[in-house]
């Protein structure tokens, strides 16, 4: 009973449209593609992320940039959302499943170098 909406549907749709207009440079797009591609090359991942994961990661990075008050995506936006967007899309090897210290997001972010922007 005490829960009140913080945003009506029209406001949410407007934010979604705004996020769609956030700029992503070629360097950041390349970074996103390389991160998702690295999921398909890691020895402890049986099935990597699909091309749809690339689209989702890009959309979430745009939303993160918008929430942070920018109209462009930087590598930090990608790194912020990557752990929430990609790992659940992966099929890990039995060895990785048994290794509770294996963090695919952290490992992939450490392996793939981010572009230097600005």
Protein backbone atom coordinates (compact mmCIF):
# COMPACT_ATOMS: atom_id res chain seq x y z
CA UNK A 1 0.00 0.00 0.00
CA UNK A 2 2.88 2.37 0.72
CA UNK A 3 4.56 1.82 -2.63
CA UNK A 4 4.20 4.72 -5.02
CA UNK A 5 5.43 4.87 -8.60
CA UNK A 6 8.44 7.10 -9.15
CA UNK A 7 7.86 7.23 -12.89
CA UNK A 8 4.81 6.88 -15.10
CA UNK A 9 4.90 4.87 -18.33
CA UNK A 10 5.34 7.97 -20.52
CA UNK A 11 8.32 9.10 -18.44
CA UNK A 12 9.90 5.67 -18.73
CA UNK A 13 9.39 5.63 -22.49
CA UNK A 14 10.93 9.11 -22.74
CA UNK A 15 14.00 7.97 -20.78
CA UNK A 16 14.31 4.94 -23.01
CA UNK A 17 14.22 7.16 -26.08
CA UNK A 18 16.82 9.47 -24.53
CA UNK A 19 19.12 6.54 -23.78
CA UNK A 20 18.81 5.45 -27.40
CA UNK A 21 20.27 8.80 -28.48
CA UNK A 22 23.41 8.47 -26.33
CA UNK A 23 26.53 8.43 -28.53
CA UNK A 24 28.87 5.42 -28.65
CA UNK A 25 32.23 5.98 -30.35
CA UNK A 26 33.78 3.39 -32.65
CA UNK A 27 36.48 2.76 -30.03
CA UNK A 28 33.91 1.95 -27.33
CA UNK A 29 31.88 -0.19 -29.75
CA UNK A 30 35.05 -2.11 -30.57
CA UNK A 31 35.65 -2.60 -26.84
CA UNK A 32 32.14 -4.01 -26.41
CA UNK A 33 32.61 -6.38 -29.35
CA UNK A 34 35.99 -7.53 -28.03
CA UNK A 35 34.58 -8.15 -24.54
CA UNK A 36 31.70 -10.23 -25.86
CA UNK A 37 34.04 -12.00 -28.29
CA UNK A 38 36.38 -12.89 -25.44
CA UNK A 39 33.56 -14.91 -23.86
CA UNK A 40 33.78 -17.26 -26.85
CA UNK A 41 37.54 -17.77 -26.50
CA UNK A 42 37.90 -18.33 -22.75
CA UNK A 43 38.89 -21.93 -21.90
CA UNK A 44 36.54 -22.10 -18.91
CA UNK A 45 33.49 -20.97 -20.89
CA UNK A 46 31.81 -23.62 -23.01
CA UNK A 47 29.36 -21.30 -24.72
CA UNK A 48 30.05 -17.59 -24.93
CA UNK A 49 27.67 -14.69 -25.23
CA UNK A 50 25.67 -14.22 -28.41
CA UNK A 51 25.53 -11.17 -30.67
CA UNK A 52 22.37 -10.19 -28.78
CA UNK A 53 24.55 -9.78 -25.69
CA UNK A 54 26.50 -7.16 -27.63
CA UNK A 55 23.28 -5.25 -28.28
CA UNK A 56 22.19 -5.55 -24.65
CA UNK A 57 25.58 -4.45 -23.35
CA UNK A 58 25.54 -1.43 -25.65
CA UNK A 59 22.01 -0.46 -24.59
CA UNK A 60 22.82 -0.78 -20.90
CA UNK A 61 26.05 1.20 -21.28
CA UNK A 62 24.03 3.96 -22.95
CA UNK A 63 21.56 3.93 -20.06
CA UNK A 64 24.42 4.05 -17.54
CA UNK A 65 25.93 7.06 -19.32
CA UNK A 66 22.55 8.82 -19.33
CA UNK A 67 22.03 8.17 -15.61
CA UNK A 68 25.52 9.52 -14.97
CA UNK A 69 24.58 12.73 -16.80
CA UNK A 70 26.42 12.21 -20.08
CA UNK A 71 25.31 11.96 -23.70
CA UNK A 72 28.18 9.63 -24.63
CA UNK A 73 29.39 6.24 -23.42
CA UNK A 74 32.86 5.77 -22.01
CA UNK A 75 34.62 2.48 -21.17
CA UNK A 76 33.74 2.85 -17.49
CA UNK A 77 30.03 2.69 -18.37
CA UNK A 78 30.64 -0.60 -20.19
CA UNK A 79 32.64 -1.97 -17.26
CA UNK A 80 29.93 -0.93 -14.81
CA UNK A 81 27.14 -2.87 -16.52
CA UNK A 82 29.13 -5.80 -17.96
CA UNK A 83 28.88 -7.97 -14.79
CA UNK A 84 25.09 -7.63 -14.78
CA UNK A 85 24.51 -8.05 -18.52
CA UNK A 86 26.81 -10.85 -19.68
CA UNK A 87 27.66 -13.58 -17.12
CA UNK A 88 24.16 -15.08 -16.94
CA UNK A 89 24.33 -15.55 -20.73
CA UNK A 90 27.37 -17.84 -20.47
CA UNK A 91 27.56 -21.62 -20.19
CA UNK A 92 30.53 -22.38 -17.96
CA UNK A 93 32.64 -25.52 -18.09
CA UNK A 94 32.20 -28.04 -15.26
CA UNK A 95 35.62 -26.97 -13.97
CA UNK A 96 34.51 -23.33 -13.84
CA UNK A 97 31.21 -24.29 -12.19
CA UNK A 98 33.16 -26.07 -9.47
CA UNK A 99 35.57 -23.20 -8.94
CA UNK A 100 33.70 -20.73 -6.71
CA UNK A 101 36.52 -18.20 -7.08
CA UNK A 102 36.05 -18.00 -10.86
CA UNK A 103 34.39 -14.69 -11.73
CA UNK A 104 33.93 -14.61 -15.50
CA UNK A 105 33.07 -10.90 -15.62
CA UNK A 106 36.10 -9.83 -13.59
CA UNK A 107 38.41 -12.11 -15.55
CA UNK A 108 37.17 -10.94 -18.93
CA UNK A 109 37.35 -7.28 -17.93
CA UNK A 110 40.94 -7.86 -16.80
CA UNK A 111 41.88 -9.66 -20.04
CA UNK A 112 40.38 -7.19 -22.54
CA UNK A 113 42.03 -3.79 -22.61
CA UNK A 114 39.77 -0.76 -22.58
CA UNK A 115 40.37 2.08 -24.99
CA UNK A 116 41.75 5.33 -23.68
CA UNK A 117 39.24 8.02 -24.44
CA UNK A 118 39.85 11.73 -24.11
